[in-house]
C-alpha cells in the first residue's frame, strides 16, 4: 500500500515536471516570471506564433501553473503561485553546478 501511494506521488510529480519540460512552455513560464503578460506580449517576447502561445497557455492553465484575468479587452496571464518562479530560479542555481553533466547527457535529447 505504501509503495502504491509513493508510486502515485512520483507519477503526479513527473506530470508536474512535464509542464516544465517543453521548451515553449518553459520559455512562457520564464517570461511570466517577470510579471503578468497578454498573449500579444508573450508572442513578442518569445517569438512563438500566437496559436502556439495560446495552445501552451491552455495547457499551463489546465495544469494550474498559470492563471488568467481580464483587464478590459485583454486577457492577462500570470504564474499561479510565486513558488513556480522560485522553482525556476532554483533550477538555474542547480544547473549552474551541474551544467557540464547536463550538457553532455546523452539520455535526454534537447534540440
PDB file of N, CA and C in Angstrom:
ATOM      1  N   UNK A   1       0.823  -1.193   0.000  1.00  0.00           N
ATOM      2  CA  UNK A   1       0.000   0.000   0.000  1.00  0.00           C
ATOM      3  C   UNK A   1       0.870   1.261   0.000  1.00  0.00           C
ATOM      4  N   UNK A   2       1.942   1.259   0.808  1.00  0.00           N
ATOM      5  CA  UNK A   2       2.834   2.407   0.868  1.00  0.00           C
ATOM      6  C   UNK A   2       3.518   2.627  -0.481  1.00  0.00           C
ATOM      7  N   UNK A   3       3.942   1.530  -1.115  1.00  0.00           N
ATOM      8  CA  UNK A   3       4.588   1.632  -2.424  1.00  0.00           C
ATOM      9  C   UNK A   3       3.630   2.207  -3.456  1.00  0.00           C
ATOM     10  N   UNK A   4       2.371   1.817  -3.374  1.00  0.00           N
ATOM     11  CA  UNK A   4       1.361   2.329  -4.304  1.00  0.00           C
ATOM     12  C   UNK A   4       1.184   3.832  -4.121  1.00  0.00           C
ATOM     13  N   UNK A   5       1.127   4.305  -2.878  1.00  0.00           N
ATOM     14  CA  UNK A   5       0.999   5.744  -2.608  1.00  0.00           C
ATOM     15  C   UNK A   5       2.231   6.499  -3.093  1.00  0.00           C
ATOM     16  N   UNK A   6       3.398   5.929  -2.854  1.00  0.00           N
ATOM     17  CA  UNK A   6       4.638   6.561  -3.307  1.00  0.00           C
ATOM     18  C   UNK A   6       4.669   6.616  -4.824  1.00  0.00           C
ATOM     19  N   UNK A   7       4.235   5.553  -5.463  1.00  0.00           N
ATOM     20  CA  UNK A   7       4.213   5.493  -6.915  1.00  0.00           C
ATOM     21  C   UNK A   7       3.270   6.551  -7.486  1.00  0.00           C
ATOM     22  N   UNK A   8       2.123   6.734  -6.854  1.00  0.00           N
ATOM     23  CA  UNK A   8       1.173   7.748  -7.280  1.00  0.00           C
ATOM     24  C   UNK A   8       1.756   9.142  -7.100  1.00  0.00           C
ATOM     25  N   UNK A   9       2.426   9.377  -5.986  1.00  0.00           N
ATOM     26  CA  UNK A   9       3.042  10.679  -5.729  1.00  0.00           C
ATOM     27  C   UNK A   9       4.139  10.971  -6.737  1.00  0.00           C
ATOM     28  N   UNK A  10       4.933   9.972  -7.064  1.00  0.00           N
ATOM     29  CA  UNK A  10       6.006  10.147  -8.052  1.00  0.00           C
ATOM     30  C   UNK A  10       5.413  10.415  -9.429  1.00  0.00           C
ATOM     31  N   UNK A  11       4.366   9.697  -9.787  1.00  0.00           N
ATOM     32  CA  UNK A  11       3.721   9.897 -11.082  1.00  0.00           C
ATOM     33  C   UNK A  11       3.149  11.309 -11.184  1.00  0.00           C
ATOM     34  N   UNK A  12       2.564  11.790 -10.108  1.00  0.00           N
ATOM     35  CA  UNK A  12       1.999  13.138 -10.106  1.00  0.00           C
ATOM     36  C   UNK A  12       3.106  14.188 -10.214  1.00  0.00           C
ATOM     37  N   UNK A  13       4.208  13.950  -9.518  1.00  0.00           N
ATOM     38  CA  UNK A  13       5.346  14.867  -9.601  1.00  0.00           C
ATOM     39  C   UNK A  13       5.920  14.874 -11.020  1.00  0.00           C
ATOM     40  N   UNK A  14       6.020  13.713 -11.642  1.00  0.00           N
ATOM     41  CA  UNK A  14       6.503  13.622 -13.023  1.00  0.00           C
ATOM     42  C   UNK A  14       5.580  14.400 -13.962  1.00  0.00           C
ATOM     43  N   UNK A  15       4.294  14.313 -13.709  1.00  0.00           N
ATOM     44  CA  UNK A  15       3.324  15.040 -14.530  1.00  0.00           C
ATOM     45  C   UNK A  15       3.515  16.553 -14.374  1.00  0.00           C
ATOM     46  N   UNK A  16       3.779  17.002 -13.160  1.00  0.00           N
ATOM     47  CA  UNK A  16       4.065  18.420 -12.922  1.00  0.00           C
ATOM     48  C   UNK A  16       5.276  18.851 -13.740  1.00  0.00           C
ATOM     49  N   UNK A  17       6.344  18.060 -13.688  1.00  0.00           N
ATOM     50  CA  UNK A  17       7.569  18.427 -14.392  1.00  0.00           C
ATOM     51  C   UNK A  17       7.422  18.374 -15.906  1.00  0.00           C
ATOM     52  N   UNK A  18       6.449  17.643 -16.412  1.00  0.00           N
ATOM     53  CA  UNK A  18       6.186  17.665 -17.858  1.00  0.00           C
ATOM     54  C   UNK A  18       5.766  19.052 -18.298  1.00  0.00           C
ATOM     55  N   UNK A  19       5.107  19.792 -17.422  1.00  0.00           N
ATOM     56  CA  UNK A  19       4.744  21.174 -17.745  1.00  0.00           C
ATOM     57  C   UNK A  19       5.958  22.058 -17.961  1.00  0.00           C
ATOM     58  N   UNK A  20       7.042  21.724 -17.293  1.00  0.00           N
ATOM     59  CA  UNK A  20       8.288  22.479 -17.414  1.00  0.00           C
ATOM     60  C   UNK A  20       9.195  21.920 -18.516  1.00  0.00           C
ATOM     61  N   UNK A  21       8.915  20.701 -18.985  1.00  0.00           N
ATOM     62  CA  UNK A  21       9.824  20.007 -19.889  1.00  0.00           C
ATOM     63  C   UNK A  21       9.775  20.508 -21.325  1.00  0.00           C
ATOM     64  N   UNK A  22       8.659  21.037 -21.754  1.00  0.00           N
ATOM     65  CA  UNK A  22       8.548  21.513 -23.124  1.00  0.00           C
ATOM     66  C   UNK A  22       9.206  22.892 -23.246  1.00  0.00           C
ATOM     67  N   UNK A  23      10.122  23.080 -24.191  1.00  0.00           N
ATOM     68  CA  UNK A  23      10.816  24.370 -24.308  1.00  0.00           C
ATOM     69  C   UNK A  23       9.875  25.557 -24.501  1.00  0.00           C
ATOM     70  N   UNK A  24       8.793  25.388 -25.251  1.00  0.00           N
ATOM     71  CA  UNK A  24       7.854  26.501 -25.457  1.00  0.00           C
ATOM     72  C   UNK A  24       7.147  26.864 -24.154  1.00  0.00           C
ATOM     73  N   UNK A  25       6.704  25.864 -23.411  1.00  0.00           N
ATOM     74  CA  UNK A  25       6.045  26.150 -22.135  1.00  0.00           C
ATOM     75  C   UNK A  25       7.035  26.756 -21.151  1.00  0.00           C
ATOM     76  N   UNK A  26       8.247  26.258 -21.157  1.00  0.00           N
ATOM     77  CA  UNK A  26       9.256  26.779 -20.240  1.00  0.00           C
ATOM     78  C   UNK A  26       9.577  28.235 -20.535  1.00  0.00           C
ATOM     79  N   UNK A  27       9.707  28.588 -21.806  1.00  0.00           N
ATOM     80  CA  UNK A  27      10.004  29.986 -22.127  1.00  0.00           C
ATOM     81  C   UNK A  27       8.820  30.885 -21.746  1.00  0.00           C
ATOM     82  N   UNK A  28       7.608  30.396 -21.888  1.00  0.00           N
ATOM     83  CA  UNK A  28       6.441  31.178 -21.448  1.00  0.00           C
ATOM     84  C   UNK A  28       6.483  31.384 -19.936  1.00  0.00           C
ATOM     85  N   UNK A  29       6.800  30.343 -19.194  1.00  0.00           N
ATOM     86  CA  UNK A  29       6.902  30.480 -17.740  1.00  0.00           C
ATOM     87  C   UNK A  29       8.012  31.453 -17.361  1.00  0.00           C
ATOM     88  N   UNK A  30       9.129  31.406 -18.092  1.00  0.00           N
ATOM     89  CA  UNK A  30      10.237  32.326 -17.812  1.00  0.00           C
ATOM     90  C   UNK A  30       9.814  33.776 -18.039  1.00  0.00           C
ATOM     91  N   UNK A  31       9.079  34.038 -19.104  1.00  0.00           N
ATOM     92  CA  UNK A  31       8.610  35.406 -19.369  1.00  0.00           C
ATOM     93  C   UNK A  31       7.603  35.821 -18.304  1.00  0.00           C
ATOM     94  N   UNK A  32       6.700  34.927 -17.944  1.00  0.00           N
ATOM     95  CA  UNK A  32       5.699  35.247 -16.916  1.00  0.00           C
ATOM     96  C   UNK A  32       6.337  35.425 -15.548  1.00  0.00           C
ATOM     97  N   UNK A  33       7.492  34.891 -15.376  1.00  0.00           N
ATOM     98  CA  UNK A  33       8.253  35.072 -14.131  1.00  0.00           C
ATOM     99  C   UNK A  33       8.563  36.552 -13.903  1.00  0.00           C
ATOM    100  N   UNK A  34       8.653  37.303 -14.989  1.00  0.00           N
ATOM    101  CA  UNK A  34       8.944  38.734 -14.903  1.00  0.00           C
ATOM    102  C   UNK A  34       7.697  39.569 -14.620  1.00  0.00           C
ATOM    103  N   UNK A  35       6.516  38.943 -14.727  1.00  0.00           N
ATOM    104  CA  UNK A  35       5.275  39.641 -14.424  1.00  0.00           C
ATOM    105  C   UNK A  35       4.173  39.262 -15.390  1.00  0.00           C
ATOM    106  N   UNK A  36       2.945  39.684 -15.090  1.00  0.00           N
ATOM    107  CA  UNK A  36       1.785  39.363 -15.928  1.00  0.00           C
ATOM    108  C   UNK A  36       1.961  39.879 -17.359  1.00  0.00           C
ATOM    109  N   UNK A  37       1.441  39.097 -18.315  1.00  0.00           N
ATOM    110  CA  UNK A  37       1.580  39.438 -19.736  1.00  0.00           C
ATOM    111  C   UNK A  37       0.318  39.059 -20.501  1.00  0.00           C
ATOM    112  N   UNK A  38       0.046  39.799 -21.566  1.00  0.00           N
ATOM    113  CA  UNK A  38      -1.010  39.426 -22.503  1.00  0.00           C
ATOM    114  C   UNK A  38      -0.444  38.423 -23.494  1.00  0.00           C
ATOM    115  N   UNK A  39      -1.321  37.783 -24.247  1.00  0.00           N
ATOM    116  CA  UNK A  39      -0.867  36.844 -25.276  1.00  0.00           C
ATOM    117  C   UNK A  39       0.005  37.582 -26.291  1.00  0.00           C
ATOM    118  N   UNK A  40      -0.409  38.771 -26.690  1.00  0.00           N
ATOM    119  CA  UNK A  40       0.362  39.559 -27.658  1.00  0.00           C
ATOM    120  C   UNK A  40       1.770  39.828 -27.138  1.00  0.00           C
ATOM    121  N   UNK A  41       1.881  40.209 -25.880  1.00  0.00           N
ATOM    122  CA  UNK A  41       3.199  40.463 -25.287  1.00  0.00           C
ATOM    123  C   UNK A  41       4.025  39.186 -25.221  1.00  0.00           C
ATOM    124  N   UNK A  42       3.381  38.060 -24.928  1.00  0.00           N
ATOM    125  CA  UNK A  42       4.095  36.779 -24.875  1.00  0.00           C
ATOM    126  C   UNK A  42       4.586  36.365 -26.260  1.00  0.00           C
ATOM    127  N   UNK A  43       3.780  36.612 -27.280  1.00  0.00           N
ATOM    128  CA  UNK A  43       4.195  36.321 -28.661  1.00  0.00           C
ATOM    129  C   UNK A  43       5.429  37.142 -28.999  1.00  0.00           C
ATOM    130  N   UNK A  44       5.389  38.428 -28.678  1.00  0.00           N
ATOM    131  CA  UNK A  44       6.519  39.318 -28.968  1.00  0.00           C
ATOM    132  C   UNK A  44       7.770  38.918 -28.184  1.00  0.00           C
ATOM    133  N   UNK A  45       7.597  38.570 -26.935  1.00  0.00           N
ATOM    134  CA  UNK A  45       8.740  38.249 -26.077  1.00  0.00           C
ATOM    135  C   UNK A  45       9.389  36.913 -26.432  1.00  0.00           C
ATOM    136  N   UNK A  46       8.591  35.967 -26.916  1.00  0.00           N
ATOM    137  CA  UNK A  46       9.111  34.623 -27.150  1.00  0.00           C
ATOM    138  C   UNK A  46       9.427  34.326 -28.609  1.00  0.00           C
ATOM    139  N   UNK A  47       8.792  35.034 -29.523  1.00  0.00           N
ATOM    140  CA  UNK A  47       8.964  34.724 -30.942  1.00  0.00           C
ATOM    141  C   UNK A  47       8.131  33.536 -31.396  1.00  0.00           C
ATOM    142  N   UNK A  48       7.321  32.995 -30.501  1.00  0.00           N
ATOM    143  CA  UNK A  48       6.415  31.901 -30.856  1.00  0.00           C
ATOM    144  C   UNK A  48       5.208  32.471 -31.591  1.00  0.00           C
ATOM    145  N   UNK A  49       4.524  31.639 -32.334  1.00  0.00           N
ATOM    146  CA  UNK A  49       3.312  32.101 -33.018  1.00  0.00           C
ATOM    147  C   UNK A  49       2.177  32.243 -32.004  1.00  0.00           C
ATOM    148  N   UNK A  50       1.197  33.044 -32.365  1.00  0.00           N
ATOM    149  CA  UNK A  50       0.058  33.263 -31.467  1.00  0.00           C
ATOM    150  C   UNK A  50      -0.693  31.961 -31.192  1.00  0.00           C
ATOM    151  N   UNK A  51      -0.979  31.127 -32.217  1.00  0.00           N
ATOM    152  CA  UNK A  51      -1.653  29.856 -31.915  1.00  0.00           C
ATOM    153  C   UNK A  51      -0.820  28.959 -30.994  1.00  0.00           C
ATOM    154  N   UNK A  52       0.494  28.949 -31.179  1.00  0.00           N
ATOM    155  CA  UNK A  52       1.367  28.136 -30.346  1.00  0.00           C
ATOM    156  C   UNK A  52       1.340  28.634 -28.901  1.00  0.00           C
ATOM    157  N   UNK A  53       1.441  29.943 -28.715  1.00  0.00           N
ATOM    158  CA  UNK A  53       1.376  30.527 -27.370  1.00  0.00           C
ATOM    159  C   UNK A  53       0.046  30.193 -26.717  1.00  0.00           C
ATOM    160  N   UNK A  54      -1.041  30.386 -27.444  1.00  0.00           N
ATOM    161  CA  UNK A  54      -2.370  30.109 -26.886  1.00  0.00           C
ATOM    162  C   UNK A  54      -2.524  28.644 -26.502  1.00  0.00           C
ATOM    163  N   UNK A  55      -2.020  27.746 -27.334  1.00  0.00           N
ATOM    164  CA  UNK A  55      -2.106  26.313 -27.057  1.00  0.00           C
ATOM    165  C   UNK A  55      -1.338  25.950 -25.785  1.00  0.00           C
ATOM    166  N   UNK A  56      -0.116  26.462 -25.669  1.00  0.00           N
ATOM    167  CA  UNK A  56       0.692  26.146 -24.483  1.00  0.00           C
ATOM    168  C   UNK A  56       0.137  26.819 -23.227  1.00  0.00           C
ATOM    169  N   UNK A  57      -0.405  28.016 -23.369  1.00  0.00           N
ATOM    170  CA  UNK A  57      -1.035  28.675 -22.213  1.00  0.00           C
ATOM    171  C   UNK A  57      -2.233  27.875 -21.728  1.00  0.00           C
ATOM    172  N   UNK A  58      -2.989  27.313 -22.654  1.00  0.00           N
ATOM    173  CA  UNK A  58      -4.133  26.486 -22.283  1.00  0.00           C
ATOM    174  C   UNK A  58      -3.669  25.283 -21.469  1.00  0.00           C
ATOM    175  N   UNK A  59      -2.583  24.675 -21.908  1.00  0.00           N
ATOM    176  CA  UNK A  59      -2.010  23.532 -21.179  1.00  0.00           C
ATOM    177  C   UNK A  59      -1.560  23.962 -19.787  1.00  0.00           C
ATOM    178  N   UNK A  60      -0.821  25.071 -19.709  1.00  0.00           N
ATOM    179  CA  UNK A  60      -0.332  25.564 -18.417  1.00  0.00           C
ATOM    180  C   UNK A  60      -1.488  25.964 -17.503  1.00  0.00           C
ATOM    181  N   UNK A  61      -2.543  26.500 -18.087  1.00  0.00           N
ATOM    182  CA  UNK A  61      -3.732  26.882 -17.328  1.00  0.00           C
ATOM    183  C   UNK A  61      -4.450  25.644 -16.798  1.00  0.00           C
ATOM    184  N   UNK A  62      -4.629  24.650 -17.663  1.00  0.00           N
ATOM    185  CA  UNK A  62      -5.293  23.406 -17.257  1.00  0.00           C
ATOM    186  C   UNK A  62      -4.526  22.694 -16.147  1.00  0.00           C
ATOM    187  N   UNK A  63      -3.211  22.817 -16.182  1.00  0.00           N
ATOM    188  CA  UNK A  63      -2.366  22.152 -15.177  1.00  0.00           C
ATOM    189  C   UNK A  63      -2.194  22.986 -13.913  1.00  0.00           C
ATOM    190  N   UNK A  64      -2.745  24.189 -13.904  1.00  0.00           N
ATOM    191  CA  UNK A  64      -2.690  25.018 -12.708  1.00  0.00           C
ATOM    192  C   UNK A  64      -1.398  25.793 -12.521  1.00  0.00           C
ATOM    193  N   UNK A  65      -0.572  25.874 -13.564  1.00  0.00           N
ATOM    194  CA  UNK A  65       0.691  26.599 -13.436  1.00  0.00           C
ATOM    195  C   UNK A  65       0.559  28.090 -13.718  1.00  0.00           C
ATOM    196  N   UNK A  66      -0.486  28.476 -14.458  1.00  0.00           N
ATOM    197  CA  UNK A  66      -0.753  29.892 -14.703  1.00  0.00           C
ATOM    198  C   UNK A  66      -2.218  30.193 -14.408  1.00  0.00           C
ATOM    199  N   UNK A  67      -2.485  31.468 -14.203  1.00  0.00           N
ATOM    200  CA  UNK A  67      -3.859  31.971 -14.042  1.00  0.00           C
ATOM    201  C   UNK A  67      -4.065  33.057 -15.066  1.00  0.00           C
ATOM    202  N   UNK A  68      -5.318  33.366 -15.339  1.00  0.00           N
ATOM    203  CA  UNK A  68      -5.622  34.469 -16.249  1.00  0.00           C
ATOM    204  C   UNK A  68      -6.702  35.339 -15.645  1.00  0.00           C
ATOM    205  N   UNK A  69      -6.675  36.589 -16.045  1.00  0.00           N
ATOM    206  CA  UNK A  69      -7.718  37.527 -15.623  1.00  0.00           C
ATOM    207  C   UNK A  69      -7.954  38.498 -16.767  1.00  0.00           C
ATOM    208  N   UNK A  70      -9.097  39.097 -16.751  1.00  0.00           N
ATOM    209  CA  UNK A  70      -9.451  40.034 -17.814  1.00  0.00           C
ATOM    210  C   UNK A  70      -9.179  41.450 -17.335  1.00  0.00           C
ATOM    211  N   UNK A  71      -8.501  42.208 -18.185  1.00  0.00           N
ATOM    212  CA  UNK A  71      -8.281  43.643 -17.963  1.00  0.00           C
ATOM    213  C   UNK A  71      -8.842  44.365 -19.165  1.00  0.00           C
ATOM    214  N   UNK A  72     -10.085  44.817 -19.048  1.00  0.00           N
ATOM    215  CA  UNK A  72     -10.743  45.454 -20.191  1.00  0.00           C
ATOM    216  C   UNK A  72     -10.907  44.450 -21.315  1.00  0.00           C
ATOM    217  N   UNK A  73     -10.338  44.763 -22.471  1.00  0.00           N
ATOM    218  CA  UNK A  73     -10.436  43.875 -23.636  1.00  0.00           C
ATOM    219  C   UNK A  73      -9.382  42.781 -23.630  1.00  0.00           C
ATOM    220  N   UNK A  74      -8.435  42.859 -22.716  1.00  0.00           N
ATOM    221  CA  UNK A  74      -7.291  41.953 -22.740  1.00  0.00           C
ATOM    222  C   UNK A  74      -7.381  40.876 -21.663  1.00  0.00           C
ATOM    223  N   UNK A  75      -6.831  39.725 -21.984  1.00  0.00           N
ATOM    224  CA  UNK A  75      -6.670  38.658 -21.007  1.00  0.00           C
ATOM    225  C   UNK A  75      -5.195  38.650 -20.620  1.00  0.00           C
ATOM    226  N   UNK A  76      -4.946  38.693 -19.323  1.00  0.00           N
ATOM    227  CA  UNK A  76      -3.584  38.752 -18.802  1.00  0.00           C
ATOM    228  C   UNK A  76      -3.276  37.440 -18.085  1.00  0.00           C
ATOM    229  N   UNK A  77      -2.115  36.896 -18.395  1.00  0.00           N
ATOM    230  CA  UNK A  77      -1.674  35.646 -17.775  1.00  0.00           C
ATOM    231  C   UNK A  77      -0.579  35.938 -16.764  1.00  0.00           C
ATOM    232  N   UNK A  78      -0.562  35.132 -15.685  1.00  0.00           N
ATOM    233  CA  UNK A  78       0.470  35.261 -14.653  1.00  0.00           C
ATOM    234  C   UNK A  78       0.723  33.880 -14.064  1.00  0.00           C
ATOM    235  N   UNK A  79       1.853  33.745 -13.415  1.00  0.00           N
ATOM    236  CA  UNK A  79       2.128  32.495 -12.714  1.00  0.00           C
ATOM    237  C   UNK A  79       1.084  32.324 -11.611  1.00  0.00           C
ATOM    238  N   UNK A  80       0.646  31.123 -11.405  1.00  0.00           N
ATOM    239  CA  UNK A  80      -0.407  30.882 -10.410  1.00  0.00           C
ATOM    240  C   UNK A  80       0.109  30.902  -8.981  1.00  0.00           C
ATOM    241  N   UNK A  81       1.421  30.750  -8.829  1.00  0.00           N
ATOM    242  CA  UNK A  81       1.998  30.649  -7.493  1.00  0.00           C
ATOM    243  C   UNK A  81       3.426  31.163  -7.563  1.00  0.00           C
ATOM    244  N   UNK A  82       3.809  31.994  -6.629  1.00  0.00           N
ATOM    245  CA  UNK A  82       5.170  32.560  -6.636  1.00  0.00           C
ATOM    246  C   UNK A  82       6.241  31.479  -6.514  1.00  0.00           C
ATOM    247  N   UNK A  83       5.876  30.317  -5.990  1.00  0.00           N
ATOM    248  CA  UNK A  83       6.857  29.235  -5.862  1.00  0.00           C
ATOM    249  C   UNK A  83       7.292  28.690  -7.216  1.00  0.00           C
ATOM    250  N   UNK A  84       6.482  28.906  -8.249  1.00  0.00           N
ATOM    251  CA  UNK A  84       6.891  28.488  -9.596  1.00  0.00           C
ATOM    252  C   UNK A  84       8.110  29.301 -10.022  1.00  0.00           C
ATOM    253  N   UNK A  85       8.087  30.603  -9.772  1.00  0.00           N
ATOM    254  CA  UNK A  85       9.253  31.441 -10.073  1.00  0.00           C
ATOM    255  C   UNK A  85      10.448  31.001  -9.244  1.00  0.00           C
ATOM    256  N   UNK A  86      10.216  30.654  -7.991  1.00  0.00           N
ATOM    257  CA  UNK A  86      11.296  30.183  -7.129  1.00  0.00           C
ATOM    258  C   UNK A  86      11.865  28.862  -7.643  1.00  0.00           C
ATOM    259  N   UNK A  87      10.992  27.984  -8.121  1.00  0.00           N
ATOM    260  CA  UNK A  87      11.437  26.707  -8.666  1.00  0.00           C
ATOM    261  C   UNK A  87      12.301  26.931  -9.909  1.00  0.00           C
ATOM    262  N   UNK A  88      11.903  27.858 -10.760  1.00  0.00           N
ATOM    263  CA  UNK A  88      12.698  28.172 -11.946  1.00  0.00           C
ATOM    264  C   UNK A  88      14.052  28.758 -11.554  1.00  0.00           C
ATOM    265  N   UNK A  89      14.063  29.591 -10.542  1.00  0.00           N
ATOM    266  CA  UNK A  89      15.321  30.170 -10.061  1.00  0.00           C
ATOM    267  C   UNK A  89      16.205  29.085  -9.447  1.00  0.00           C
ATOM    268  N   UNK A  90      15.622  28.196  -8.682  1.00  0.00           N
ATOM    269  CA  UNK A  90      16.368  27.094  -8.092  1.00  0.00           C
ATOM    270  C   UNK A  90      16.952  26.193  -9.184  1.00  0.00           C
ATOM    271  N   UNK A  91      16.192  25.973 -10.247  1.00  0.00           N
ATOM    272  CA  UNK A  91      16.687  25.171 -11.370  1.00  0.00           C
ATOM    273  C   UNK A  91      17.925  25.826 -11.984  1.00  0.00           C
ATOM    274  N   UNK A  92      17.911  27.149 -12.079  1.00  0.00           N
ATOM    275  CA  UNK A  92      19.081  27.864 -12.606  1.00  0.00           C
ATOM    276  C   UNK A  92      20.288  27.660 -11.700  1.00  0.00           C
ATOM    277  N   UNK A  93      20.065  27.689 -10.409  1.00  0.00           N
ATOM    278  CA  UNK A  93      21.160  27.512  -9.459  1.00  0.00           C
ATOM    279  C   UNK A  93      21.736  26.102  -9.538  1.00  0.00           C
ATOM    280  N   UNK A  94      20.861  25.114  -9.605  1.00  0.00           N
ATOM    281  CA  UNK A  94      21.316  23.730  -9.717  1.00  0.00           C
ATOM    282  C   UNK A  94      22.048  23.540 -11.042  1.00  0.00           C
ATOM    283  N   UNK A  95      21.472  24.081 -12.103  1.00  0.00           N
ATOM    284  CA  UNK A  95      22.090  23.948 -13.417  1.00  0.00           C
ATOM    285  C   UNK A  95      23.478  24.580 -13.451  1.00  0.00           C
ATOM    286  N   UNK A  96      23.662  25.672 -12.741  1.00  0.00           N
ATOM    287  CA  UNK A  96      24.978  26.303 -12.687  1.00  0.00           C
ATOM    288  C   UNK A  96      26.024  25.335 -12.133  1.00  0.00           C
ATOM    289  N   UNK A  97      25.598  24.448 -11.261  1.00  0.00           N
ATOM    290  CA  UNK A  97      26.530  23.488 -10.647  1.00  0.00           C
ATOM    291  C   UNK A  97      26.700  22.201 -11.453  1.00  0.00           C
ATOM    292  N   UNK A  98      25.693  21.850 -12.233  1.00  0.00           N
ATOM    293  CA  UNK A  98      25.749  20.568 -12.942  1.00  0.00           C
ATOM    294  C   UNK A  98      25.640  20.727 -14.462  1.00  0.00           C
ATOM    295  N   UNK A  99      25.811  21.936 -14.958  1.00  0.00           N
ATOM    296  CA  UNK A  99      25.597  22.218 -16.380  1.00  0.00           C
ATOM    297  C   UNK A  99      26.436  21.330 -17.292  1.00  0.00           C
ATOM    298  N   UNK A 100      27.671  21.099 -16.929  1.00  0.00           N
ATOM    299  CA  UNK A 100      28.552  20.282 -17.774  1.00  0.00           C
ATOM    300  C   UNK A 100      27.960  18.880 -17.963  1.00  0.00           C
ATOM    301  N   UNK A 101      27.508  18.270 -16.882  1.00  0.00           N
ATOM    302  CA  UNK A 101      26.913  16.940 -16.979  1.00  0.00           C
ATOM    303  C   UNK A 101      25.628  16.945 -17.781  1.00  0.00           C
ATOM    304  N   UNK A 102      24.795  17.937 -17.564  1.00  0.00           N
ATOM    305  CA  UNK A 102      23.534  18.035 -18.307  1.00  0.00           C
ATOM    306  C   UNK A 102      23.820  18.242 -19.790  1.00  0.00           C
ATOM    307  N   UNK A 103      24.776  19.096 -20.095  1.00  0.00           N
ATOM    308  CA  UNK A 103      25.126  19.371 -21.489  1.00  0.00           C
ATOM    309  C   UNK A 103      25.585  18.093 -22.200  1.00  0.00           C
ATOM    310  N   UNK A 104      26.370  17.285 -21.523  1.00  0.00           N
ATOM    311  CA  UNK A 104      26.927  16.079 -22.137  1.00  0.00           C
ATOM    312  C   UNK A 104      26.023  14.851 -21.990  1.00  0.00           C
ATOM    313  N   UNK A 105      24.909  14.987 -21.310  1.00  0.00           N
ATOM    314  CA  UNK A 105      23.989  13.874 -21.110  1.00  0.00           C
ATOM    315  C   UNK A 105      23.417  13.409 -22.459  1.00  0.00           C
ATOM    316  N   UNK A 106      23.547  12.149 -22.740  1.00  0.00           N
ATOM    317  CA  UNK A 106      23.009  11.595 -23.996  1.00  0.00           C
ATOM    318  C   UNK A 106      21.658  10.930 -23.793  1.00  0.00           C
ATOM    319  N   UNK A 107      21.191  10.877 -22.575  1.00  0.00           N
ATOM    320  CA  UNK A 107      19.913  10.223 -22.283  1.00  0.00           C
ATOM    321  C   UNK A 107      18.703  11.081 -22.668  1.00  0.00           C
ATOM    322  N   UNK A 108      18.874  12.384 -22.592  1.00  0.00           N
ATOM    323  CA  UNK A 108      17.790  13.310 -22.928  1.00  0.00           C
ATOM    324  C   UNK A 108      18.231  14.143 -24.113  1.00  0.00           C
ATOM    325  N   UNK A 109      17.538  14.040 -25.189  1.00  0.00           N
ATOM    326  CA  UNK A 109      17.878  14.823 -26.379  1.00  0.00           C
ATOM    327  C   UNK A 109      17.125  16.147 -26.324  1.00  0.00           C
ATOM    328  N   UNK A 110      17.874  17.217 -26.344  1.00  0.00           N
ATOM    329  CA  UNK A 110      17.300  18.558 -26.331  1.00  0.00           C
ATOM    330  C   UNK A 110      17.721  19.242 -27.612  1.00  0.00           C
ATOM    331  N   UNK A 111      16.752  19.760 -28.358  1.00  0.00           N
ATOM    332  CA  UNK A 111      17.103  20.420 -29.630  1.00  0.00           C
ATOM    333  C   UNK A 111      17.955  21.654 -29.409  1.00  0.00           C
TER     334      UNK A 111
END
